[in-house]
Protein backbone atom coordinates (compact mmCIF):
# COMPACT_ATOMS: atom_id res chain seq x y z
CA MET A 1 -20.68 -6.00 76.98
CA VAL A 2 -21.25 -9.35 75.74
CA GLU A 3 -22.22 -12.40 78.22
CA LYS A 4 -24.81 -13.98 75.86
CA LYS A 5 -24.20 -17.78 75.80
CA TYR A 6 -24.66 -16.78 71.93
CA ILE A 7 -25.79 -20.05 70.48
CA ARG A 8 -29.47 -19.91 68.37
CA ALA A 9 -28.07 -22.22 65.93
CA LEU A 10 -28.34 -25.82 65.45
CA LEU A 11 -31.71 -27.04 66.54
CA LEU A 12 -32.16 -29.75 69.32
CA TYR A 13 -35.75 -30.57 68.05
CA PHE A 14 -37.66 -29.97 64.78
CA LEU A 15 -36.66 -29.89 60.87
CA ALA A 16 -35.56 -33.08 59.48
CA TRP A 17 -37.07 -32.46 56.41
CA SER A 18 -39.73 -31.00 54.77
CA ALA A 19 -41.99 -30.83 51.51
CA THR A 20 -41.84 -29.26 48.43
CA ALA A 21 -43.48 -26.08 48.62
CA ALA A 22 -45.11 -25.56 45.29
CA HIS A 23 -46.67 -22.64 45.08
CA GLN A 24 -46.46 -20.34 41.98
CA PRO A 25 -44.87 -16.69 41.85
CA GLN A 26 -47.39 -13.81 41.31
CA THR A 27 -45.15 -12.51 38.48
CA THR A 28 -43.69 -14.62 35.47
CA SER A 29 -40.59 -14.05 33.04
CA LYS A 30 -39.50 -15.48 29.88
CA LYS A 31 -35.88 -16.01 31.03
CA GLN A 32 -35.06 -19.63 31.84
CA SER A 33 -32.18 -20.98 34.17
CA LYS A 34 -29.28 -22.70 33.23
CA SER A 35 -30.82 -25.63 34.78
CA GLY A 36 -33.81 -24.98 32.52
CA LYS A 37 -36.38 -24.78 35.34
CA GLY A 38 -37.78 -21.35 35.41
CA PHE A 39 -35.49 -18.07 35.70
CA GLY A 40 -32.26 -19.22 37.23
CA SER A 41 -31.39 -15.87 38.75
CA SER A 42 -29.85 -14.91 42.43
CA VAL A 43 -31.36 -12.49 45.22
CA PHE A 44 -29.04 -10.24 47.23
CA PHE A 45 -29.15 -8.61 50.67
CA PRO A 46 -26.93 -6.19 52.53
CA VAL A 47 -26.14 -7.42 56.12
CA THR A 48 -26.45 -5.23 59.42
CA GLY A 49 -24.59 -6.33 62.49
CA ASP A 50 -21.49 -7.55 64.14
CA VAL A 51 -19.88 -9.95 65.99
CA TYR A 52 -18.77 -7.52 69.12
CA PRO A 53 -20.85 -6.07 70.36
CA LYS A 54 -24.09 -6.63 68.74
CA GLY A 55 -23.47 -10.47 68.25
CA TYR A 56 -25.55 -11.06 64.95
CA TYR A 57 -25.77 -10.46 61.52
CA TYR A 58 -29.23 -9.72 60.18
CA VAL A 59 -30.80 -8.71 56.75
CA THR A 60 -33.97 -6.91 55.72
CA ILE A 61 -36.68 -8.94 54.15
CA ASN A 62 -40.34 -7.70 52.88
CA VAL A 63 -43.11 -9.54 53.25
CA GLY A 64 -46.63 -9.16 52.54
CA GLN A 65 -48.87 -7.26 49.85
CA PRO A 66 -48.21 -4.27 50.80
CA PRO A 67 -44.82 -5.25 51.82
CA LYS A 68 -43.76 -4.36 55.25
CA SER A 69 -40.16 -5.14 56.11
CA TYR A 70 -38.58 -6.84 59.07
CA PHE A 71 -35.33 -7.78 60.62
CA LEU A 72 -34.37 -11.54 60.34
CA ASP A 73 -31.36 -12.91 61.85
CA ILE A 74 -29.50 -15.29 59.09
CA ASP A 75 -28.67 -18.69 60.32
CA THR A 76 -27.65 -21.52 58.35
CA GLY A 77 -28.13 -23.71 61.27
CA SER A 78 -31.70 -24.08 60.99
CA ASP A 79 -34.08 -24.50 58.23
CA LEU A 80 -37.32 -22.60 59.17
CA THR A 81 -38.02 -18.94 59.11
CA TRP A 82 -40.25 -17.54 61.60
CA LEU A 83 -41.67 -13.96 62.13
CA GLN A 84 -43.44 -12.89 65.45
CA CYS A 85 -46.78 -12.93 64.46
CA ASP A 86 -49.72 -11.29 65.84
CA ALA A 87 -51.80 -14.45 65.72
CA PRO A 88 -52.57 -13.15 68.63
CA CYS A 89 -49.19 -13.07 70.38
CA THR A 90 -49.28 -15.16 73.51
CA LYS A 91 -45.39 -14.06 74.25
CA CYS A 92 -43.13 -11.89 71.97
CA THR A 93 -40.06 -9.94 72.72
CA PRO A 94 -39.17 -6.56 71.92
CA SER A 95 -38.52 -6.17 68.23
CA PRO A 96 -37.55 -3.64 65.57
CA HIS A 97 -41.14 -3.47 64.01
CA GLY A 98 -44.59 -4.30 64.56
CA LEU A 99 -45.91 -7.75 64.88
CA TYR A 100 -46.26 -9.95 61.28
CA LYS A 101 -50.32 -10.09 61.22
CA PRO A 102 -51.19 -13.34 59.42
CA ASN A 103 -54.11 -12.78 56.62
CA LYS A 104 -56.17 -16.22 56.24
CA ASN A 105 -52.97 -17.66 54.99
CA LEU A 106 -52.77 -20.80 57.46
CA ILE A 107 -51.23 -24.23 56.01
CA THR A 108 -53.28 -26.95 56.91
CA CYS A 109 -52.45 -29.77 58.93
CA GLU A 110 -52.49 -31.92 55.91
CA HIS A 111 -50.54 -30.19 53.66
CA PRO A 112 -47.49 -32.25 52.73
CA LEU A 113 -45.51 -29.21 53.69
CA CYS A 114 -46.27 -29.72 57.54
CA VAL A 115 -46.04 -33.42 57.16
CA SER A 116 -42.63 -33.14 56.24
CA LEU A 117 -41.74 -30.92 58.93
CA HIS A 118 -43.04 -33.34 61.61
CA GLY A 119 -41.62 -36.36 60.35
CA PRO A 120 -42.94 -39.96 59.30
CA GLY A 121 -45.07 -41.11 62.54
CA ASN A 122 -44.81 -37.72 64.25
CA HIS A 123 -47.91 -36.15 62.67
CA ASN A 124 -50.63 -35.66 64.55
CA CYS A 125 -53.62 -33.18 63.18
CA GLU A 126 -55.24 -32.15 66.51
CA THR A 127 -56.60 -28.95 64.73
CA PRO A 128 -56.67 -29.71 60.67
CA GLU A 129 -57.31 -26.54 59.75
CA GLN A 130 -53.71 -25.52 61.05
CA CYS A 131 -50.07 -26.61 61.05
CA ASP A 132 -48.25 -26.11 64.34
CA TYR A 133 -44.43 -26.35 64.87
CA GLU A 134 -42.45 -26.00 67.72
CA VAL A 135 -38.45 -24.95 67.21
CA THR A 136 -36.23 -24.89 69.84
CA TYR A 137 -32.34 -23.99 69.75
CA ALA A 138 -29.51 -24.95 71.85
CA ASP A 139 -29.38 -21.62 74.02
CA LEU A 140 -32.81 -22.68 74.99
CA GLY A 141 -34.48 -20.16 73.12
CA SER A 142 -38.00 -21.20 71.26
CA SER A 143 -40.58 -19.84 68.76
CA LEU A 144 -43.98 -21.71 68.82
CA GLY A 145 -46.64 -20.87 66.33
CA VAL A 146 -48.16 -22.07 63.15
CA LEU A 147 -47.06 -22.04 59.31
CA VAL A 148 -48.64 -19.73 56.70
CA LEU A 149 -47.98 -18.41 53.20
CA ASP A 150 -46.94 -14.91 52.25
CA SER A 151 -45.89 -12.87 49.34
CA PHE A 152 -42.06 -12.36 49.08
CA PRO A 153 -41.30 -9.21 46.83
CA PHE A 154 -37.56 -9.85 45.54
CA ARG A 155 -35.72 -8.25 42.85
CA PHE A 156 -33.55 -10.43 41.32
CA SER A 157 -30.37 -10.27 39.23
CA ASN A 158 -31.80 -10.92 36.00
CA GLY A 159 -33.78 -7.74 36.46
CA SER A 160 -37.42 -9.90 37.03
CA VAL A 161 -39.19 -8.19 40.37
CA LEU A 162 -41.58 -11.37 41.60
CA ALA A 163 -43.27 -12.10 44.57
CA PRO A 164 -43.42 -15.68 45.64
CA ARG A 165 -45.36 -17.02 48.12
CA LEU A 166 -43.45 -18.70 50.61
CA ALA A 167 -44.21 -20.78 53.47
CA PHE A 168 -42.79 -19.35 56.91
CA GLY A 169 -43.23 -19.73 60.33
CA CYS A 170 -45.88 -17.09 62.40
CA GLY A 171 -44.29 -17.32 65.79
CA TYR A 172 -47.07 -16.32 68.84
CA ASN A 173 -45.10 -17.53 71.48
CA GLN A 174 -40.68 -17.16 71.81
CA GLU A 175 -38.69 -17.36 74.28
CA VAL A 176 -35.15 -15.46 74.27
CA PRO A 177 -32.57 -16.89 77.20
CA ASN A 178 -32.07 -13.99 80.03
CA SER A 179 -28.28 -13.09 78.68
CA ILE A 180 -29.78 -11.73 75.32
CA HIS A 181 -30.47 -8.35 75.60
CA PRO A 182 -32.87 -5.99 73.41
CA PRO A 183 -33.38 -4.75 70.63
CA TYR A 184 -33.96 -8.12 69.17
CA THR A 185 -34.56 -9.20 65.37
CA ASP A 186 -38.07 -9.67 64.44
CA GLY A 187 -37.58 -13.22 63.71
CA VAL A 188 -34.87 -15.94 62.21
CA LEU A 189 -34.28 -16.70 58.56
CA GLY A 190 -33.25 -20.31 58.06
CA LEU A 191 -30.92 -21.16 55.56
CA GLY A 192 -30.43 -24.33 56.34
CA SER A 193 -30.44 -27.27 53.84
CA GLY A 194 -34.04 -28.40 54.63
CA LYS A 195 -37.01 -28.04 52.03
CA THR A 196 -38.96 -25.75 54.48
CA SER A 197 -35.61 -23.42 54.22
CA ILE A 198 -36.37 -20.33 51.49
CA VAL A 199 -34.01 -20.96 49.25
CA THR A 200 -35.23 -24.46 49.04
CA GLN A 201 -38.48 -23.07 48.31
CA LEU A 202 -37.05 -20.39 45.50
CA SER A 203 -35.41 -23.34 44.28
CA GLU A 204 -38.25 -25.78 43.67
CA MET A 205 -39.96 -22.87 42.04
CA GLY A 206 -37.11 -22.90 39.49
CA LEU A 207 -36.33 -19.03 40.34
CA THR A 208 -32.85 -19.80 41.90
CA ARG A 209 -30.51 -22.19 42.46
CA ASN A 210 -30.34 -23.98 45.91
CA VAL A 211 -27.24 -22.27 46.88
CA VAL A 212 -26.85 -19.70 49.84
CA GLY A 213 -23.84 -17.48 50.38
CA HIS A 214 -22.47 -14.65 52.84
CA CYS A 215 -19.75 -12.65 53.54
CA LEU A 216 -19.91 -11.22 57.05
CA SER A 217 -17.31 -8.19 57.74
CA GLY A 218 -14.99 -7.84 60.39
CA GLN A 219 -15.77 -4.42 60.81
CA GLY A 220 -19.70 -5.12 60.72
CA GLY A 221 -22.04 -5.38 57.89
CA GLY A 222 -21.03 -7.49 54.95
CA PHE A 223 -23.68 -9.14 52.29
CA LEU A 224 -25.54 -12.59 51.70
CA PHE A 225 -27.49 -14.07 48.50
CA PHE A 226 -29.58 -16.76 47.38
CA GLY A 227 -28.20 -18.47 43.76
CA ASP A 228 -25.10 -18.58 41.96
CA ASP A 229 -24.73 -15.13 40.28
CA PHE A 230 -22.04 -13.73 42.88
CA LEU A 231 -19.56 -16.52 42.61
CA PRO A 232 -15.84 -15.89 41.67
CA PRO A 233 -14.29 -18.16 38.79
CA SER A 234 -12.10 -19.44 40.83
CA GLY A 235 -10.40 -19.40 43.97
CA ILE A 236 -13.12 -21.04 46.09
CA ILE A 237 -11.93 -24.00 48.37
CA TRP A 238 -14.82 -26.79 48.05
CA ALA A 239 -15.02 -29.90 50.83
CA PRO A 240 -17.78 -32.30 50.87
CA ILE A 241 -21.50 -31.61 52.78
CA LEU A 242 -22.08 -34.91 54.72
CA SER A 243 -25.20 -35.89 53.17
CA GLN A 244 -26.90 -38.21 56.54
CA MET A 245 -26.47 -34.61 58.51
CA LYS A 246 -28.95 -31.86 57.66
CA HIS A 247 -26.71 -29.45 59.39
CA TYR A 248 -23.59 -28.13 57.17
CA SER A 249 -21.43 -30.50 58.52
CA LEU A 250 -17.39 -30.45 57.12
CA GLY A 251 -16.64 -33.95 58.92
CA LEU A 252 -13.64 -34.72 60.74
CA ALA A 253 -11.05 -32.24 61.38
CA ASP A 254 -7.61 -32.05 62.89
CA LEU A 255 -6.04 -28.77 64.53
CA GLN A 256 -3.14 -27.01 63.88
CA PHE A 257 -1.26 -24.59 66.29
CA GLY A 258 1.22 -22.22 65.00
CA GLY A 259 1.81 -24.55 61.63
CA GLN A 260 2.41 -27.38 63.82
CA ALA A 261 0.38 -30.59 64.87
CA THR A 262 -1.71 -30.68 68.18
CA ASN A 263 -3.23 -33.51 69.52
CA ILE A 264 -6.78 -32.19 69.14
CA LYS A 265 -8.17 -34.30 66.48
CA GLY A 266 -11.06 -35.49 64.85
CA LEU A 267 -13.28 -32.65 65.58
CA PRO A 268 -16.93 -33.07 63.79
CA ILE A 269 -16.85 -29.58 62.36
CA VAL A 270 -20.39 -27.46 61.39
CA LEU A 271 -20.46 -24.01 59.83
CA ASP A 272 -23.15 -21.86 61.69
CA SER A 273 -23.77 -18.80 60.83
CA GLY A 274 -26.63 -18.41 63.65
CA SER A 275 -23.49 -19.09 66.10
CA THR A 276 -21.61 -15.73 66.54
CA TYR A 277 -18.91 -17.62 68.82
CA SER A 278 -17.39 -20.77 67.81
CA TYR A 279 -17.72 -23.63 70.22
CA PHE A 280 -15.15 -26.56 70.67
CA SER A 281 -16.08 -29.70 72.29
CA PHE A 282 -14.88 -29.81 76.29
CA GLN A 283 -11.31 -31.47 75.64
CA ALA A 284 -10.57 -29.73 72.89
CA TYR A 285 -11.34 -26.27 74.29
CA SER A 286 -9.42 -27.43 77.54
CA ALA A 287 -6.17 -28.40 75.60
CA LEU A 288 -6.59 -25.15 72.93
CA VAL A 289 -6.95 -22.76 76.22
CA SER A 290 -3.55 -24.56 77.84
CA MET A 291 -1.47 -24.33 74.77
CA ILE A 292 -2.15 -20.14 73.85
CA ASN A 293 -1.99 -19.78 77.79
CA LYS A 294 1.76 -21.36 77.53
CA ASP A 295 2.40 -19.38 74.42
CA ILE A 296 1.42 -15.76 75.60
CA ASN A 297 2.82 -16.49 79.29
CA GLY A 298 4.73 -13.53 80.10
CA LYS A 299 3.54 -11.61 77.38
CA LEU A 300 -0.18 -11.03 78.33
CA THR A 301 -1.85 -11.72 81.98
CA THR A 302 -5.68 -12.80 82.60
CA ALA A 303 -8.39 -10.27 82.35
CA VAL A 304 -10.14 -12.11 85.32
CA GLU A 305 -12.19 -8.51 85.74
CA ASP A 306 -13.45 -8.36 82.25
CA LYS A 307 -16.79 -10.50 82.15
CA SER A 308 -17.74 -10.14 78.36
CA LEU A 309 -16.36 -13.84 77.64
CA PRO A 310 -15.17 -16.84 79.76
CA VAL A 311 -11.30 -16.24 79.11
CA CYS A 312 -9.53 -12.73 78.36
CA TRP A 313 -6.27 -11.29 78.68
CA LYS A 314 -4.70 -7.85 79.33
CA SER A 315 -1.54 -5.99 78.38
CA ALA A 316 0.02 -3.50 80.13
CA LYS A 317 -1.66 -0.75 77.69
CA PRO A 318 -5.54 -1.15 76.63
CA PHE A 319 -5.54 -2.41 73.13
CA LYS A 320 -6.91 -0.20 70.64
CA SER A 321 -7.82 -2.88 67.93
CA ILE A 322 -8.02 -6.73 67.09
CA ARG A 323 -4.87 -6.03 65.16
CA ASP A 324 -2.84 -4.53 67.93
CA ALA A 325 -4.05 -7.95 70.06
CA ALA A 326 -3.51 -10.34 67.32
CA ASN A 327 0.44 -9.92 67.47
CA TYR A 328 0.68 -12.04 70.74
CA PHE A 329 -1.19 -15.32 69.26
CA LYS A 330 -0.65 -17.72 66.63
CA PRO A 331 -2.92 -18.84 63.72
CA LEU A 332 -5.12 -21.94 64.02
CA VAL A 333 -5.64 -24.37 61.05
CA LEU A 334 -8.36 -27.04 60.66
CA SER A 335 -7.50 -29.27 58.26
CA PHE A 336 -9.78 -31.40 57.21
CA ARG A 337 -10.22 -35.53 56.33
CA ASN A 338 -12.58 -35.39 53.86
CA GLY A 339 -10.81 -33.86 51.22
CA LYS A 340 -7.03 -33.32 49.99
CA ASN A 341 -5.18 -30.51 51.46
CA VAL A 342 -8.56 -29.23 52.85
CA GLN A 343 -7.91 -26.49 55.24
CA PHE A 344 -9.46 -23.54 56.70
CA GLN A 345 -7.34 -20.77 58.13
CA LEU A 346 -8.41 -19.22 61.70
CA GLN A 347 -5.72 -16.03 61.65
CA PRO A 348 -5.97 -14.68 65.17
CA GLN A 349 -8.47 -12.17 63.95
CA ALA A 350 -10.47 -15.00 63.38
CA TYR A 351 -11.11 -16.45 67.44
CA LEU A 352 -10.52 -13.24 69.03
CA ILE A 353 -12.26 -9.97 69.66
CA VAL A 354 -11.38 -6.78 71.17
CA THR A 355 -13.89 -5.55 74.11
CA GLU A 356 -14.78 -2.21 75.33
CA HIS A 357 -12.42 -2.39 78.13
CA GLY A 358 -9.23 -2.80 76.24
CA ASN A 359 -9.03 -6.14 76.58
CA VAL A 360 -8.53 -9.40 74.23
CA CYS A 361 -10.87 -12.58 74.91
CA LEU A 362 -10.99 -16.07 73.32
CA GLY A 363 -13.97 -16.34 70.72
CA ILE A 364 -13.83 -20.06 71.03
CA LEU A 365 -16.39 -21.68 74.17
CA ASN A 366 -16.78 -24.68 75.74
CA GLY A 367 -19.49 -26.23 73.29
CA SER A 368 -20.14 -28.65 76.82
CA GLU A 369 -21.56 -25.67 78.61
CA VAL A 370 -24.53 -25.14 76.21
CA GLY A 371 -25.40 -29.13 75.41
CA LEU A 372 -23.27 -29.34 72.28
CA GLY A 373 -21.40 -32.19 73.40
CA ASN A 374 -18.94 -33.62 71.10
CA LEU A 375 -19.88 -30.93 68.43
CA ASN A 376 -18.00 -28.32 67.06
CA ILE A 377 -19.35 -25.16 66.03
CA ILE A 378 -17.30 -22.50 63.32
CA GLY A 379 -19.45 -19.70 64.23
CA ASP A 380 -19.09 -15.91 62.82
CA VAL A 381 -16.23 -15.06 64.51
CA SER A 382 -14.60 -17.54 62.78
CA LEU A 383 -16.19 -16.57 59.31
CA GLN A 384 -15.48 -13.06 58.76
CA ASP A 385 -14.20 -11.71 55.87
CA LYS A 386 -14.35 -14.75 53.80
CA LEU A 387 -17.10 -15.68 50.87
CA VAL A 388 -18.91 -18.88 52.31
CA VAL A 389 -21.11 -20.78 50.12
CA TYR A 390 -23.53 -23.26 50.77
CA ASP A 391 -24.32 -25.40 47.36
CA ASN A 392 -27.13 -27.63 48.31
CA GLU A 393 -27.13 -28.99 44.45
CA LYS A 394 -23.60 -30.28 44.48
CA HIS A 395 -23.27 -31.32 48.51
CA LEU A 396 -20.17 -28.63 48.85
CA ILE A 397 -19.28 -25.98 51.09
CA GLY A 398 -17.03 -23.21 49.53
CA TRP A 399 -14.54 -20.61 50.98
CA ALA A 400 -12.64 -17.82 49.78
CA PRO A 401 -10.89 -14.71 51.40
CA ALA A 402 -13.06 -11.72 50.81
CA ASN A 403 -13.65 -8.11 51.05
CA CYS A 404 -17.02 -8.44 52.28
CA ASN A 405 -16.90 -4.22 52.77
CA ARG A 406 -17.51 -4.08 49.44
CA LEU A 407 -21.07 -4.29 47.73
CA PRO A 408 -21.32 -5.36 44.07
CA ASN A 409 -22.30 -2.07 42.16
CA MET A 410 -24.32 -1.44 45.06
CA ASP A 411 -24.20 2.79 44.13
CA HIS A 412 -26.45 2.50 41.14
CA ASP A 413 -28.40 -0.65 41.49
CA TYR A 414 -30.91 0.42 44.15
CA VAL A 415 -34.25 1.10 42.29
CA ASP A 416 -37.92 1.26 44.07
CA GLY A 417 -36.53 -0.10 47.10
CA TYR A 418 -35.02 -3.06 45.71
CA TYR A 419 -31.10 -4.09 45.18
CA ARG A 420 -30.00 -5.03 41.74
CA PRO A 421 -26.67 -6.15 42.06
CA TYR A 422 -24.10 -7.56 39.31
CA ALA A 423 -21.35 -9.82 39.55
CA ALA A 424 -19.03 -7.82 37.25
CA ASP A 425 -16.23 -6.80 39.63
CA PHE A 426 -17.20 -8.16 42.53
CA PHE A 427 -14.13 -10.17 43.64
CA ARG A 428 -11.98 -7.42 42.61
CA GLU A 429 -9.71 -5.64 44.97
CA THR A 430 -9.98 -8.59 47.88
CA CYS A 431 -7.28 -10.39 49.66
CA SER A 432 -5.42 -12.65 47.55
CA ALA A 433 -7.15 -16.31 47.68
CA SER A 434 -3.88 -17.50 49.32
CA PHE A 435 -5.36 -20.56 51.55
CA ASP A 436 -1.75 -21.28 53.28
CA SER A 437 -2.08 -17.45 55.19
CA GLY A 438 -4.86 -17.30 57.96
CA ARG A 439 -8.16 -15.32 57.90
CA LYS A 440 -9.88 -12.98 60.69
CA ARG A 441 -13.04 -14.71 61.93
CA LYS A 442 -15.94 -13.96 64.40
CA GLN A 443 -17.50 -15.06 67.50
CA GLY A 444 -20.59 -16.01 68.91
CA SER A 445 -23.98 -17.65 68.16
CA LYS A 446 -27.48 -16.76 68.93
C-alpha cells in the first residue's frame, strides 16, 4: 500500500555547484572522444523498480577494489551520490547490502570539491582532515556524512573497462520518513547538473559526455545511461534547461485537459526521477481534481476507503489494469512557453495508478503539503515509457516515446559482470514518435 509522501528529490538545502573531481582513471585506452577529451563513450545500467507498489527505481553500482554491489535510487533532483557507510554508522536504515567501509580515502576540508560543495562564504573547516556534508530532501529525509574517493568499475560502450576514482558521500547518519517502509536502497545516485554528480565527474575526466538518460517502464524496470551513445538519430522533442537553476527546470507551462485550454497556467516545471509521483502547486492541484471529478461524474465514485493515495475512485467492478481505468479519463498536456510547440503529453496512464484494491488513484499530488510552494514536479509516474535525456552540455532536456522494456542487445553483451550494450537497433519496435498523442507516466517521489 502506498501511503508514502515519496519526494526524496529536490534538495531544500545543499549542493549549488561543486568543484571538478580531477582524478585520473586507473585504466587507460587510446580511443578518443568526439570532443577530443579521453574516451567519449557511454555507460549503461539496467533499472529495477516501479511506481506502484515499490515506489522507486534503482540501479546496481559496483564500488571499491575488489568491487562490491550496491542498490542506488536514481535521482535527477539532487547532485550528490551517497552510500550508507560504516564510518562507523551512527544511524543507518535497513538496506539490501552491507554498509560501505571507507579505507583512508577521505576528501579533506580544503579540497576544491569540498569548498565548492558548501558554497562561497559557508565553508568552515572545523575538521580539516575531512569534508563534512549534510543533504536534506523535501520529504525531510536526510543524509549526514563525509566525502570520500573510491573506484567505480564500469564497462564502457566502446569496450573499455575502467575504474575511475570518483567522489561520493559516505553517509553515517540517515533519516527516513516514517511513511517509507523497508527494504530501502543502499543510497542515492545523484544525477543532477552540479559538479558533484558522478556524470559530471566522468565528463571532466573525458570518459563520457555530460549526458544522462533514462527509460522507466510502466511495467517495471527499464534502463539508465551516461553519455550519448544510446540516443536515437531523430524523434526527440528538446526544450532548454533554465540555466539559473541547478535543478532540471523547463520553465513555465500551461495545462490542457482533454485537448482544451484551462485556467491552469504558468506552472514552473521541474523533471525529477527522485519523485515517485508528480506534484502540482495547491491552486493547480485543486483545479485539476475539480475538473477530473466533474468529467467522470456518474461514471466512477470516490473510493474514500482506499488510502493508497489522497484521491481514488472505484467502479462497479475492480479494475484489473491501468488500461481499463484509463478509458474513463482524459489526457493532459503541458505546453511550455520556452519553446515553440514544445509539449509534454500525459495520457491517463501517465497520471494514474491502479491499486491492489482494484481502484484507480490520481498520481498527481498536492505539492503544497510537502513544502514545494509554487514548484511543480514531473515525477516517475509521468516519466514512464519515455526516453528522457538531460544534456548538460547543450543545456537541453529531451523526451520521446520509447519501449523501455527492451534493453539494447543485452542477451549477448553481459561479460564478466559488466553490461556491454550497443546502440544498433535500440529504438526499433518502439511507439511511434508521434507527440500529438499522449503518453503513460508514473507516480511518486522518494
